[in-house]
Amino acid sequence: MKLIMAIVSSDDSRDVLDRLTKAGFRATVIGTTGGFLREGNTTIFLGIEDQKVSAALDILQQVCRRRSQWVSPLPTLEGPGLEMAEPIEVSVGGAVAFVMNVEQFIQA
């Protein structure tokens, strides 16, 4: 048995969960925040049989796409006054998944 811990953008989480549910997976979800932009993420936990890992990861790859977003950095404190830096393009979205061995599984 494996545990998949997947961190996905909150923008993609509903679609991911719908697709996982339709494929017969059960998941536990936790709202999280992190990364450079401090934007909302969703952490999804899936306890699944070894042979179903690739199917779950395929769903993550199909739904969670990286995309570009323009952000304005915080003002700098250098120079004569507060100066706004130029907006920069950053890559957001996608998913990070960790697949871990489960030594014991108990469902009460």
C-alpha atoms as a PDB file:
ATOM      1  CA  MET A   1       0.000   0.000   0.000  1.00  0.00           C
ATOM      2  CA  LYS A   2       1.112   3.564  -0.742  1.00  0.00           C
ATOM      3  CA  LEU A   3       0.271   7.026   0.524  1.00  0.00           C
ATOM      4  CA  ILE A   4       0.237   9.811  -2.043  1.00  0.00           C
ATOM      5  CA  MET A   5       0.499  13.303  -0.596  1.00  0.00           C
ATOM      6  CA  ALA A   6      -0.222  15.742  -3.427  1.00  0.00           C
ATOM      7  CA  ILE A   7      -0.027  19.518  -3.101  1.00  0.00           C
ATOM      8  CA  VAL A   8      -2.089  21.198  -5.809  1.00  0.00           C
ATOM      9  CA  SER A   9      -3.203  24.735  -6.562  1.00  0.00           C
ATOM     10  CA  SER A  10      -6.576  25.583  -5.053  1.00  0.00           C
ATOM     11  CA  ASP A  11      -7.615  26.568  -8.593  1.00  0.00           C
ATOM     12  CA  ASP A  12      -7.196  22.926  -9.683  1.00  0.00           C
ATOM     13  CA  SER A  13      -8.317  21.140  -6.525  1.00  0.00           C
ATOM     14  CA  ARG A  14     -12.052  20.777  -7.296  1.00  0.00           C
ATOM     15  CA  ASP A  15     -11.378  19.269 -10.717  1.00  0.00           C
ATOM     16  CA  VAL A  16      -8.714  16.937  -9.293  1.00  0.00           C
ATOM     17  CA  LEU A  17     -11.041  15.729  -6.540  1.00  0.00           C
ATOM     18  CA  ASP A  18     -13.910  15.198  -8.991  1.00  0.00           C
ATOM     19  CA  ARG A  19     -11.686  13.145 -11.293  1.00  0.00           C
ATOM     20  CA  LEU A  20     -10.211  11.111  -8.432  1.00  0.00           C
ATOM     21  CA  THR A  21     -13.689  10.365  -7.056  1.00  0.00           C
ATOM     22  CA  LYS A  22     -14.984   9.295 -10.486  1.00  0.00           C
ATOM     23  CA  ALA A  23     -11.976   6.956 -10.762  1.00  0.00           C
ATOM     24  CA  GLY A  24     -12.926   5.338  -7.439  1.00  0.00           C
ATOM     25  CA  PHE A  25     -10.315   6.964  -5.188  1.00  0.00           C
ATOM     26  CA  ARG A  26     -11.111   8.285  -1.721  1.00  0.00           C
ATOM     27  CA  ALA A  27      -9.167  11.266  -0.474  1.00  0.00           C
ATOM     28  CA  THR A  28      -8.601  13.413   2.578  1.00  0.00           C
ATOM     29  CA  VAL A  29      -8.136  17.118   1.872  1.00  0.00           C
ATOM     30  CA  ILE A  30      -6.423  19.862   3.862  1.00  0.00           C
ATOM     31  CA  GLY A  31      -6.290  23.534   2.856  1.00  0.00           C
ATOM     32  CA  THR A  32      -2.694  24.800   2.922  1.00  0.00           C
ATOM     33  CA  THR A  33      -0.723  27.904   2.005  1.00  0.00           C
ATOM     34  CA  GLY A  34       2.809  28.125   0.771  1.00  0.00           C
ATOM     35  CA  GLY A  35       5.255  28.948  -1.918  1.00  0.00           C
ATOM     36  CA  PHE A  36       6.668  32.191  -3.178  1.00  0.00           C
ATOM     37  CA  LEU A  37       3.281  33.883  -3.621  1.00  0.00           C
ATOM     38  CA  ARG A  38       1.744  32.591  -0.367  1.00  0.00           C
ATOM     39  CA  GLU A  39      -1.350  31.575  -2.315  1.00  0.00           C
ATOM     40  CA  GLY A  40      -3.790  28.880  -1.340  1.00  0.00           C
ATOM     41  CA  ASN A  41      -3.031  25.258  -2.030  1.00  0.00           C
ATOM     42  CA  THR A  42      -4.847  22.054  -1.302  1.00  0.00           C
ATOM     43  CA  THR A  43      -3.023  19.044   0.094  1.00  0.00           C
ATOM     44  CA  ILE A  44      -4.646  15.758  -0.899  1.00  0.00           C
ATOM     45  CA  PHE A  45      -3.894  12.460   0.863  1.00  0.00           C
ATOM     46  CA  LEU A  46      -4.660   9.191  -0.938  1.00  0.00           C
ATOM     47  CA  GLY A  47      -4.130   5.773   0.608  1.00  0.00           C
ATOM     48  CA  ILE A  48      -4.102   3.350  -2.336  1.00  0.00           C
ATOM     49  CA  GLU A  49      -2.917  -0.048  -3.497  1.00  0.00           C
ATOM     50  CA  ASP A  50       0.483  -0.152  -5.182  1.00  0.00           C
ATOM     51  CA  GLN A  51      -0.942  -1.009  -8.619  1.00  0.00           C
ATOM     52  CA  LYS A  52      -3.206   2.089  -8.629  1.00  0.00           C
ATOM     53  CA  VAL A  53      -0.471   4.667  -8.003  1.00  0.00           C
ATOM     54  CA  SER A  54       0.157   5.388 -11.682  1.00  0.00           C
ATOM     55  CA  ALA A  55      -3.569   5.944 -12.344  1.00  0.00           C
ATOM     56  CA  ALA A  56      -3.795   8.512  -9.540  1.00  0.00           C
ATOM     57  CA  LEU A  57      -0.619  10.275 -10.673  1.00  0.00           C
ATOM     58  CA  ASP A  58      -1.939  10.360 -14.256  1.00  0.00           C
ATOM     59  CA  ILE A  59      -5.023  12.250 -13.040  1.00  0.00           C
ATOM     60  CA  LEU A  60      -2.821  14.786 -11.253  1.00  0.00           C
ATOM     61  CA  GLN A  61      -0.736  15.310 -14.390  1.00  0.00           C
ATOM     62  CA  GLN A  62      -3.794  15.699 -16.626  1.00  0.00           C
ATOM     63  CA  VAL A  63      -5.546  18.264 -14.424  1.00  0.00           C
ATOM     64  CA  CYS A  64      -2.764  20.254 -12.740  1.00  0.00           C
ATOM     65  CA  ARG A  65      -1.117  22.437 -15.338  1.00  0.00           C
ATOM     66  CA  ARG A  66       1.501  25.099 -14.773  1.00  0.00           C
ATOM     67  CA  ARG A  67       0.581  28.556 -15.989  1.00  0.00           C
ATOM     68  CA  SER A  68       2.080  32.040 -15.953  1.00  0.00           C
ATOM     69  CA  GLN A  69       0.938  34.890 -13.762  1.00  0.00           C
ATOM     70  CA  TRP A  70       2.170  38.471 -13.496  1.00  0.00           C
ATOM     71  CA  VAL A  71       2.850  39.733  -9.959  1.00  0.00           C
ATOM     72  CA  SER A  72       4.015  43.037  -8.576  1.00  0.00           C
ATOM     73  CA  PRO A  73       6.874  42.602  -6.138  1.00  0.00           C
ATOM     74  CA  LEU A  74       6.790  44.457  -2.824  1.00  0.00           C
ATOM     75  CA  PRO A  75       8.139  48.025  -2.961  1.00  0.00           C
ATOM     76  CA  THR A  76      11.862  48.387  -2.400  1.00  0.00           C
ATOM     77  CA  LEU A  77      13.222  50.515   0.413  1.00  0.00           C
ATOM     78  CA  GLU A  78      16.276  51.577  -1.556  1.00  0.00           C
ATOM     79  CA  GLY A  79      16.740  55.018  -3.037  1.00  0.00           C
ATOM     80  CA  PRO A  80      15.037  58.314  -2.215  1.00  0.00           C
ATOM     81  CA  GLY A  81      11.573  56.869  -1.609  1.00  0.00           C
ATOM     82  CA  LEU A  82       9.435  53.806  -1.998  1.00  0.00           C
ATOM     83  CA  GLU A  83       9.941  52.607  -5.530  1.00  0.00           C
ATOM     84  CA  MET A  84       7.734  50.015  -7.140  1.00  0.00           C
ATOM     85  CA  ALA A  85       9.571  47.269  -8.957  1.00  0.00           C
ATOM     86  CA  GLU A  86       8.403  46.166 -12.383  1.00  0.00           C
ATOM     87  CA  PRO A  87       5.870  43.311 -12.432  1.00  0.00           C
ATOM     88  CA  ILE A  88       7.446  39.930 -13.018  1.00  0.00           C
ATOM     89  CA  GLU A  89       6.093  36.800 -14.659  1.00  0.00           C
ATOM     90  CA  VAL A  90       6.082  33.698 -12.449  1.00  0.00           C
ATOM     91  CA  SER A  91       5.028  30.123 -13.018  1.00  0.00           C
ATOM     92  CA  VAL A  92       2.104  28.960 -10.827  1.00  0.00           C
ATOM     93  CA  GLY A  93      -0.058  25.884 -10.550  1.00  0.00           C
ATOM     94  CA  GLY A  94       0.946  22.335 -11.237  1.00  0.00           C
ATOM     95  CA  ALA A  95       1.275  19.733  -8.524  1.00  0.00           C
ATOM     96  CA  VAL A  96       3.878  18.215  -6.266  1.00  0.00           C
ATOM     97  CA  ALA A  97       3.283  14.605  -5.281  1.00  0.00           C
ATOM     98  CA  PHE A  98       5.091  12.426  -2.770  1.00  0.00           C
ATOM     99  CA  VAL A  99       4.561   8.660  -2.913  1.00  0.00           C
ATOM    100  CA  MET A 100       5.373   6.889   0.349  1.00  0.00           C
ATOM    101  CA  ASN A 101       5.284   3.288   1.489  1.00  0.00           C
ATOM    102  CA  VAL A 102       2.662   2.515   4.128  1.00  0.00           C
ATOM    103  CA  GLU A 103       3.832   0.083   6.754  1.00  0.00           C
ATOM    104  CA  GLN A 104       0.417  -0.413   8.337  1.00  0.00           C
ATOM    105  CA  PHE A 105      -3.117   0.678   7.450  1.00  0.00           C
ATOM    106  CA  ILE A 106      -5.923   0.655   9.991  1.00  0.00           C
ATOM    107  CA  GLN A 107      -9.465   1.753   9.248  1.00  0.00           C
ATOM    108  CA  ALA A 108     -11.693   1.981  12.309  1.00  0.00           C
END
